[in-house]
C-alpha atoms as a PDB file:
ATOM      1  CA  MET A   1     -15.063  18.546   6.352  1.00  0.00           C
ATOM      2  CA  ASN A   2     -13.721  20.401   3.427  1.00  0.00           C
ATOM      3  CA  SER A   3     -15.579  20.234   0.104  1.00  0.00           C
ATOM      4  CA  GLY A   4     -12.521  20.185  -1.749  1.00  0.00           C
ATOM      5  CA  ARG A   5     -11.840  16.761  -1.829  1.00  0.00           C
ATOM      6  CA  LEU A   6      -9.203  15.376  -3.887  1.00  0.00           C
ATOM      7  CA  LEU A   7     -11.073  12.368  -5.948  1.00  0.00           C
ATOM      8  CA  ALA A   8      -9.046  11.563  -9.244  1.00  0.00           C
ATOM      9  CA  ALA A   9      -7.420   8.153  -9.345  1.00  0.00           C
ATOM     10  CA  VAL A  10      -3.567   8.007  -9.738  1.00  0.00           C
ATOM     11  CA  SER A  11      -1.649   5.777 -12.288  1.00  0.00           C
ATOM     12  CA  ALA A  12       1.925   5.199 -12.105  1.00  0.00           C
ATOM     13  CA  THR A  13       3.681   4.921 -15.547  1.00  0.00           C
ATOM     14  CA  ALA A  14       6.975   4.604 -14.654  1.00  0.00           C
ATOM     15  CA  THR A  15       9.124   1.082 -15.817  1.00  0.00           C
ATOM     16  CA  LEU A  16       8.206  -1.382 -13.309  1.00  0.00           C
ATOM     17  CA  VAL A  17      10.761  -2.603 -10.955  1.00  0.00           C
ATOM     18  CA  LEU A  18      10.495  -5.942  -9.835  1.00  0.00           C
ATOM     19  CA  LEU A  19      10.323  -6.792  -6.193  1.00  0.00           C
ATOM     20  CA  GLY A  20       9.975 -10.298  -6.106  1.00  0.00           C
ATOM     21  CA  PRO A  21       9.519 -13.202  -8.533  1.00  0.00           C
ATOM     22  CA  ALA A  22       8.187 -11.634 -11.750  1.00  0.00           C
ATOM     23  CA  THR A  23       4.394 -12.244 -11.906  1.00  0.00           C
ATOM     24  CA  ALA A  24       1.811 -10.279 -14.058  1.00  0.00           C
ATOM     25  CA  SER A  25       0.128  -7.499 -12.187  1.00  0.00           C
ATOM     26  CA  PRO A  26      -3.324  -6.266 -12.177  1.00  0.00           C
ATOM     27  CA  ALA A  27      -4.541  -3.714 -14.712  1.00  0.00           C
ATOM     28  CA  THR A  28      -4.443  -0.115 -13.646  1.00  0.00           C
ATOM     29  CA  ALA A  29      -7.928   1.008 -13.479  1.00  0.00           C
ATOM     30  CA  ALA A  30      -9.254   4.862 -12.631  1.00  0.00           C
ATOM     31  CA  ARG A  31     -12.369   5.317 -10.656  1.00  0.00           C
ATOM     32  CA  THR A  32     -15.486   5.945 -12.543  1.00  0.00           C
ATOM     33  CA  SER A  33     -18.039   5.755  -9.806  1.00  0.00           C
ATOM     34  CA  SER A  34     -19.079   5.941  -6.365  1.00  0.00           C
ATOM     35  CA  ASP A  35     -18.853   2.046  -6.342  1.00  0.00           C
ATOM     36  CA  ASP A  36     -15.162   2.648  -5.823  1.00  0.00           C
ATOM     37  CA  LEU A  37     -15.559   4.657  -2.374  1.00  0.00           C
ATOM     38  CA  VAL A  38     -14.639   1.653   0.349  1.00  0.00           C
ATOM     39  CA  GLY A  39     -15.418   4.216   3.219  1.00  0.00           C
ATOM     40  CA  SER A  40     -15.313   7.773   3.931  1.00  0.00           C
ATOM     41  CA  TRP A  41     -14.640   9.298   7.097  1.00  0.00           C
ATOM     42  CA  ASN A  42     -15.844  12.962   7.355  1.00  0.00           C
ATOM     43  CA  MET A  43     -14.641  13.504  10.818  1.00  0.00           C
ATOM     44  CA  ASN A  44     -17.409  15.889  11.457  1.00  0.00           C
ATOM     45  CA  GLU A  45     -18.825  14.397  14.887  1.00  0.00           C
ATOM     46  CA  SER A  46     -19.712  16.779  17.937  1.00  0.00           C
ATOM     47  CA  ARG A  47     -16.885  16.939  20.808  1.00  0.00           C
ATOM     48  CA  GLY A  48     -17.291  14.341  23.147  1.00  0.00           C
ATOM     49  CA  SER A  49     -18.404  11.569  20.477  1.00  0.00           C
ATOM     50  CA  ARG A  50     -16.995   8.575  20.442  1.00  0.00           C
ATOM     51  CA  THR A  51     -18.315   7.085  17.479  1.00  0.00           C
ATOM     52  CA  MET A  52     -16.500   7.852  14.182  1.00  0.00           C
ATOM     53  CA  LYS A  53     -19.305   7.479  11.293  1.00  0.00           C
ATOM     54  CA  ASP A  54     -18.302   5.924   7.823  1.00  0.00           C
ATOM     55  CA  GLY A  55     -20.233   8.142   4.728  1.00  0.00           C
ATOM     56  CA  SER A  56     -20.116   5.859   2.342  1.00  0.00           C
ATOM     57  CA  GLY A  57     -22.859   3.846   3.433  1.00  0.00           C
ATOM     58  CA  HIS A  58     -20.774   0.438   3.855  1.00  0.00           C
ATOM     59  CA  GLY A  59     -21.215   0.601   7.582  1.00  0.00           C
ATOM     60  CA  LEU A  60     -17.388   1.025   8.392  1.00  0.00           C
ATOM     61  CA  ASN A  61     -17.921   3.087  11.618  1.00  0.00           C
ATOM     62  CA  GLY A  62     -14.839   3.194  13.990  1.00  0.00           C
ATOM     63  CA  SER A  63     -13.999   4.659  17.672  1.00  0.00           C
ATOM     64  CA  ILE A  64     -12.618   7.478  18.560  1.00  0.00           C
ATOM     65  CA  GLY A  65     -10.303   7.265  21.810  1.00  0.00           C
ATOM     66  CA  ARG A  66     -11.081   9.191  24.721  1.00  0.00           C
ATOM     67  CA  GLU A  67      -7.833  11.350  23.948  1.00  0.00           C
ATOM     68  CA  VAL A  68      -8.917  12.465  20.665  1.00  0.00           C
ATOM     69  CA  SER A  69     -10.165  15.297  20.806  1.00  0.00           C
ATOM     70  CA  ALA A  70     -13.607  15.716  17.945  1.00  0.00           C
ATOM     71  CA  GLY A  71     -15.529  18.423  16.938  1.00  0.00           C
ATOM     72  CA  VAL A  72     -12.471  20.602  16.968  1.00  0.00           C
ATOM     73  CA  ARG A  73     -12.631  23.849  14.261  1.00  0.00           C
ATOM     74  CA  ILE A  74      -9.801  24.447  12.838  1.00  0.00           C
ATOM     75  CA  ASP A  75      -9.439  27.060   9.443  1.00  0.00           C
ATOM     76  CA  GLY A  76     -12.931  26.753   7.976  1.00  0.00           C
ATOM     77  CA  ALA A  77     -12.908  22.632   8.757  1.00  0.00           C
ATOM     78  CA  THR A  78     -14.124  20.224  11.373  1.00  0.00           C
ATOM     79  CA  GLY A  79     -12.139  17.676  12.386  1.00  0.00           C
ATOM     80  CA  TYR A  80     -10.534  15.924  15.129  1.00  0.00           C
ATOM     81  CA  ARG A  81      -7.336  16.902  17.102  1.00  0.00           C
ATOM     82  CA  PHE A  82      -4.516  14.464  18.142  1.00  0.00           C
ATOM     83  CA  SER A  83      -2.209  15.891  21.109  1.00  0.00           C
ATOM     84  CA  ARG A  84       1.471  15.809  21.426  1.00  0.00           C
ATOM     85  CA  LEU A  85       2.744  12.524  23.335  1.00  0.00           C
ATOM     86  CA  GLN A  86       6.503  12.106  24.161  1.00  0.00           C
ATOM     87  CA  PRO A  87       8.014   9.628  21.597  1.00  0.00           C
ATOM     88  CA  GLY A  88       9.074   5.961  22.959  1.00  0.00           C
ATOM     89  CA  VAL A  89       7.630   7.116  26.905  1.00  0.00           C
ATOM     90  CA  PRO A  90       5.722   4.133  28.114  1.00  0.00           C
ATOM     91  CA  PRO A  91       2.938   3.310  29.106  1.00  0.00           C
ATOM     92  CA  ALA A  92       0.898   2.924  25.285  1.00  0.00           C
ATOM     93  CA  ARG A  93      -2.047   5.175  25.166  1.00  0.00           C
ATOM     94  CA  PRO A  94      -4.624   3.289  23.037  1.00  0.00           C
ATOM     95  CA  GLU A  95      -7.124   5.975  23.413  1.00  0.00           C
ATOM     96  CA  HIS A  96      -5.279   8.164  21.393  1.00  0.00           C
ATOM     97  CA  LEU A  97      -6.251   6.326  18.410  1.00  0.00           C
ATOM     98  CA  ALA A  98      -9.071   6.451  16.397  1.00  0.00           C
ATOM     99  CA  SER A  99     -10.017   2.918  14.682  1.00  0.00           C
ATOM    100  CA  VAL A 100     -12.216   0.750  12.345  1.00  0.00           C
ATOM    101  CA  PRO A 101     -12.664  -3.357  13.203  1.00  0.00           C
ATOM    102  CA  ASP A 102     -11.152  -5.224  10.378  1.00  0.00           C
ATOM    103  CA  ARG A 103     -13.595  -6.101   7.553  1.00  0.00           C
ATOM    104  CA  GLY A 104     -12.653  -7.587   4.465  1.00  0.00           C
ATOM    105  CA  PRO A 105     -12.602  -4.515   2.185  1.00  0.00           C
ATOM    106  CA  LEU A 106     -10.460  -2.604   4.163  1.00  0.00           C
ATOM    107  CA  ASP A 107      -7.306  -4.721   3.194  1.00  0.00           C
ATOM    108  CA  PRO A 108      -6.025  -3.764  -0.761  1.00  0.00           C
ATOM    109  CA  GLY A 109      -5.866  -7.644  -1.376  1.00  0.00           C
ATOM    110  CA  ASP A 110      -4.620  -7.059  -5.302  1.00  0.00           C
ATOM    111  CA  ARG A 111      -6.951  -4.461  -6.360  1.00  0.00           C
ATOM    112  CA  ASP A 112      -5.526  -0.910  -7.167  1.00  0.00           C
ATOM    113  CA  TYR A 113      -6.130   0.847  -3.672  1.00  0.00           C
ATOM    114  CA  ALA A 114      -6.020   4.534  -2.552  1.00  0.00           C
ATOM    115  CA  VAL A 115      -6.105   6.075   0.874  1.00  0.00           C
ATOM    116  CA  THR A 116      -6.643   9.938   1.084  1.00  0.00           C
ATOM    117  CA  VAL A 117      -6.188  11.895   3.911  1.00  0.00           C
ATOM    118  CA  ARG A 118      -6.325  15.877   4.772  1.00  0.00           C
ATOM    119  CA  LEU A 119      -4.459  16.865   7.994  1.00  0.00           C
ATOM    120  CA  ARG A 120      -2.721  19.692   9.427  1.00  0.00           C
ATOM    121  CA  THR A 121       0.237  19.156  11.637  1.00  0.00           C
ATOM    122  CA  THR A 122       3.030  21.668  12.823  1.00  0.00           C
ATOM    123  CA  TYR A 123       5.074  18.408  14.592  1.00  0.00           C
ATOM    124  CA  SER A 124       7.920  15.989  13.001  1.00  0.00           C
ATOM    125  CA  PHE A 125       6.586  12.561  14.002  1.00  0.00           C
ATOM    126  CA  GLY A 126       4.513   9.346  13.938  1.00  0.00           C
ATOM    127  CA  ASN A 127       2.094   7.449  11.787  1.00  0.00           C
ATOM    128  CA  VAL A 128      -1.300   9.072  10.707  1.00  0.00           C
ATOM    129  CA  ILE A 129      -3.060   5.829   9.358  1.00  0.00           C
ATOM    130  CA  GLN A 130      -2.700   2.203   9.051  1.00  0.00           C
ATOM    131  CA  LYS A 131      -3.723  -1.322   8.383  1.00  0.00           C
ATOM    132  CA  GLY A 132      -1.065  -3.786   9.930  1.00  0.00           C
ATOM    133  CA  GLN A 133       2.305  -3.135  11.454  1.00  0.00           C
ATOM    134  CA  ALA A 134       6.029  -4.270  10.073  1.00  0.00           C
ATOM    135  CA  THR A 135       5.991  -7.820  10.809  1.00  0.00           C
ATOM    136  CA  VAL A 136       2.181  -9.121  10.159  1.00  0.00           C
ATOM    137  CA  SER A 137       1.273 -11.936   7.997  1.00  0.00           C
ATOM    138  CA  GLY A 138      -0.316 -10.837   5.228  1.00  0.00           C
ATOM    139  CA  GLY A 139       1.375  -7.160   4.463  1.00  0.00           C
ATOM    140  CA  ASN A 140       0.294  -4.026   6.084  1.00  0.00           C
ATOM    141  CA  PHE A 141       0.107  -0.023   4.807  1.00  0.00           C
ATOM    142  CA  LYS A 142       0.647   2.971   6.276  1.00  0.00           C
ATOM    143  CA  MET A 143       1.133   6.655   5.922  1.00  0.00           C
ATOM    144  CA  GLN A 144       3.464   8.600   8.555  1.00  0.00           C
ATOM    145  CA  ILE A 145       5.305  11.527   8.705  1.00  0.00           C
ATOM    146  CA  PRO A 146       8.666  11.464  10.112  1.00  0.00           C
ATOM    147  CA  ASN A 147      11.020  14.714  10.368  1.00  0.00           C
ATOM    148  CA  GLY A 148       7.757  16.616   8.728  1.00  0.00           C
ATOM    149  CA  ILE A 149       8.240  14.290   5.401  1.00  0.00           C
ATOM    150  CA  LEU A 150       5.201  12.769   4.514  1.00  0.00           C
ATOM    151  CA  GLN A 151       6.072   8.565   3.516  1.00  0.00           C
ATOM    152  CA  CYS A 152       3.095   6.004   2.653  1.00  0.00           C
ATOM    153  CA  MET A 153       4.279   2.382   2.211  1.00  0.00           C
ATOM    154  CA  PHE A 154       2.667  -0.681   0.962  1.00  0.00           C
ATOM    155  CA  ARG A 155       4.101  -4.383   2.028  1.00  0.00           C
ATOM    156  CA  GLY A 156       2.725  -7.220   0.330  1.00  0.00           C
ATOM    157  CA  SER A 157       3.477 -10.517  -0.748  1.00  0.00           C
ATOM    158  CA  TYR A 158       5.863  -9.906  -3.143  1.00  0.00           C
ATOM    159  CA  GLY A 159       7.731  -6.666  -1.734  1.00  0.00           C
ATOM    160  CA  THR A 160       7.588  -3.118  -0.270  1.00  0.00           C
ATOM    161  CA  VAL A 161       7.279   0.204  -2.134  1.00  0.00           C
ATOM    162  CA  LEU A 162       7.521   3.655  -0.439  1.00  0.00           C
ATOM    163  CA  VAL A 163       7.494   7.012  -1.797  1.00  0.00           C
ATOM    164  CA  GLN A 164       7.786  10.106   0.086  1.00  0.00           C
ATOM    165  CA  SER A 165       7.130  14.052  -0.238  1.00  0.00           C
ATOM    166  CA  LYS A 166      10.270  16.451  -0.885  1.00  0.00           C
ATOM    167  CA  GLN A 167       8.937  19.274   1.148  1.00  0.00           C
ATOM    168  CA  ARG A 168       7.788  19.330   4.831  1.00  0.00           C
ATOM    169  CA  LEU A 169       4.538  19.498   5.759  1.00  0.00           C
ATOM    170  CA  ASN A 170       4.693  19.919   9.103  1.00  0.00           C
ATOM    171  CA  ASP A 171       3.954  23.991   8.400  1.00  0.00           C
ATOM    172  CA  GLY A 172       0.477  24.192  10.356  1.00  0.00           C
ATOM    173  CA  ARG A 173      -1.154  24.679   6.813  1.00  0.00           C
ATOM    174  CA  TRP A 174      -3.790  21.611   5.862  1.00  0.00           C
ATOM    175  CA  HIS A 175      -2.823  19.328   2.736  1.00  0.00           C
ATOM    176  CA  THR A 176      -4.843  16.852   1.454  1.00  0.00           C
ATOM    177  CA  VAL A 177      -2.401  13.356   0.518  1.00  0.00           C
ATOM    178  CA  ARG A 178      -3.493  10.233  -1.533  1.00  0.00           C
ATOM    179  CA  CYS A 179      -1.240   7.883  -2.121  1.00  0.00           C
ATOM    180  CA  ASP A 180      -2.693   5.644  -4.912  1.00  0.00           C
ATOM    181  CA  ARG A 181      -1.218   1.605  -4.777  1.00  0.00           C
ATOM    182  CA  THR A 182      -1.696   0.211  -8.563  1.00  0.00           C
ATOM    183  CA  GLY A 183      -0.203  -2.746 -10.487  1.00  0.00           C
ATOM    184  CA  ALA A 184       2.424  -0.170 -11.575  1.00  0.00           C
ATOM    185  CA  GLY A 185       3.713   0.992  -8.289  1.00  0.00           C
ATOM    186  CA  VAL A 186       3.022   3.591  -6.023  1.00  0.00           C
ATOM    187  CA  THR A 187       1.961   7.628  -6.754  1.00  0.00           C
ATOM    188  CA  LEU A 188       1.869  10.335  -4.024  1.00  0.00           C
ATOM    189  CA  ARG A 189       0.028  13.547  -4.585  1.00  0.00           C
ATOM    190  CA  ILE A 190      -0.005  16.353  -2.394  1.00  0.00           C
ATOM    191  CA  ASP A 191      -2.762  19.049  -2.738  1.00  0.00           C
ATOM    192  CA  GLY A 192      -3.398  17.936  -6.049  1.00  0.00           C
ATOM    193  CA  SER A 193       0.217  17.691  -7.493  1.00  0.00           C
ATOM    194  CA  THR A 194       1.772  14.289  -8.143  1.00  0.00           C
ATOM    195  CA  VAL A 195       5.251  14.885  -6.346  1.00  0.00           C
ATOM    196  CA  ALA A 196       6.738  10.956  -6.198  1.00  0.00           C
ATOM    197  CA  ARG A 197       6.051   7.992  -7.814  1.00  0.00           C
ATOM    198  CA  ARG A 198       8.070   4.586  -7.665  1.00  0.00           C
ATOM    199  CA  ALA A 199       7.724   1.812  -9.640  1.00  0.00           C
ATOM    200  CA  GLY A 200       7.166  -1.948  -8.432  1.00  0.00           C
ATOM    201  CA  TRP A 201       4.116  -4.351  -7.268  1.00  0.00           C
ATOM    202  CA  THR A 202       3.974  -5.107  -4.226  1.00  0.00           C
ATOM    203  CA  GLY A 203       1.284  -8.147  -4.523  1.00  0.00           C
ATOM    204  CA  SER A 204      -1.517  -9.138  -2.575  1.00  0.00           C
ATOM    205  CA  ILE A 205      -2.297  -7.188   0.834  1.00  0.00           C
ATOM    206  CA  SER A 206      -4.580  -8.747   3.219  1.00  0.00           C
ATOM    207  CA  ASN A 207      -4.347  -9.019   7.294  1.00  0.00           C
ATOM    208  CA  SER A 208      -6.894  -9.137   9.859  1.00  0.00           C
ATOM    209  CA  TRP A 209      -5.675  -6.045  11.811  1.00  0.00           C
ATOM    210  CA  PRO A 210      -8.163  -2.964  12.117  1.00  0.00           C
ATOM    211  CA  LEU A 211      -7.795   0.279  10.921  1.00  0.00           C
ATOM    212  CA  THR A 212      -6.205   2.553  13.137  1.00  0.00           C
ATOM    213  CA  ILE A 213      -5.522   6.426  12.936  1.00  0.00           C
ATOM    214  CA  GLY A 214      -3.150   8.331  15.304  1.00  0.00           C
ATOM    215  CA  GLY A 215      -0.601   5.664  16.128  1.00  0.00           C
ATOM    216  CA  LYS A 216      -0.341   1.532  16.318  1.00  0.00           C
ATOM    217  CA  THR A 217      -2.407  -0.688  18.277  1.00  0.00           C
ATOM    218  CA  GLU A 218       0.311  -3.169  18.915  1.00  0.00           C
ATOM    219  CA  CYS A 219       2.865  -1.439  21.125  1.00  0.00           C
ATOM    220  CA  ASN A 220       4.400  -0.815  24.431  1.00  0.00           C
ATOM    221  CA  GLN A 221       6.620   1.935  24.032  1.00  0.00           C
ATOM    222  CA  VAL A 222       9.514  -0.171  25.361  1.00  0.00           C
ATOM    223  CA  ASP A 223      10.163  -2.530  22.633  1.00  0.00           C
ATOM    224  CA  VAL A 224       8.003  -1.193  19.963  1.00  0.00           C
ATOM    225  CA  GLY A 225       6.877   2.389  19.550  1.00  0.00           C
ATOM    226  CA  CYS A 226       3.550   3.324  19.369  1.00  0.00           C
ATOM    227  CA  ASP A 227       4.627   6.593  16.998  1.00  0.00           C
ATOM    228  CA  TYR A 228       1.699   8.428  17.985  1.00  0.00           C
ATOM    229  CA  TYR A 229       0.508  11.035  15.271  1.00  0.00           C
ATOM    230  CA  ALA A 230       0.118  14.593  16.747  1.00  0.00           C
ATOM    231  CA  GLY A 231      -1.706  17.317  14.860  1.00  0.00           C
ATOM    232  CA  ASP A 232      -5.220  17.457  13.262  1.00  0.00           C
ATOM    233  CA  LEU A 233      -7.131  15.424  10.662  1.00  0.00           C
ATOM    234  CA  ASP A 234     -10.343  16.507   8.588  1.00  0.00           C
ATOM    235  CA  TYR A 235     -11.384  13.247   7.075  1.00  0.00           C
ATOM    236  CA  VAL A 236     -10.035   9.840   5.943  1.00  0.00           C
ATOM    237  CA  GLU A 237     -10.955   8.065   2.131  1.00  0.00           C
ATOM    238  CA  ILE A 238     -10.318   4.788   1.188  1.00  0.00           C
ATOM    239  CA  ASP A 239     -11.003   4.143  -2.712  1.00  0.00           C
ATOM    240  CA  ALA A 240     -10.826   0.515  -4.659  1.00  0.00           C
ATOM    241  CA  TYR A 241     -10.666   0.250  -8.537  1.00  0.00           C
END
């Protein structure tokens, strides 16, 4: 894993746009200690590994599907490689995913919450990481990369906020992407710079679904596309503060 990961918390400061009935939003706080760390998956496992180890000390280990290549060395980093699958072509391929079973700390709830991913791709499609799907009770969040544009979305009890990069990230270079959901809104940072910010309190997000990396868990490629990601991942980190 690249040692230069970004750990600075970002706070949205734009004027609040209400997405539902008026409500007091939780206070926005900066990360102050390692206690804010929910999970950290360094993706440094050797080839053939099927367990994705959580380095946070919280025991949130996950599984690595058999179609995910671990132990891949790319430009100084060790990570996972997700091969390209033709969009919308059945059958579903659950072995294309890495996933962590549902645990309470993985849900944003009404906390300030940040997801950080270091990725590299030359493709223009797919869901990078998510917990829950569009119609799931309790809300959901996800990062996706349609047309090479990185989008970050949180859907909660009061509404949905989505932000996206202005430039395409499918240039074959490593990019560190951090998406913060706070009481003030959602902020997207790429390689240390804030590139998008949108105001709005989403409300609480809590569902019983696993955290999935590389696509959807419930899909059939007919009625529901699996949106499989293609590219490399160096690490994933989640903070709540």
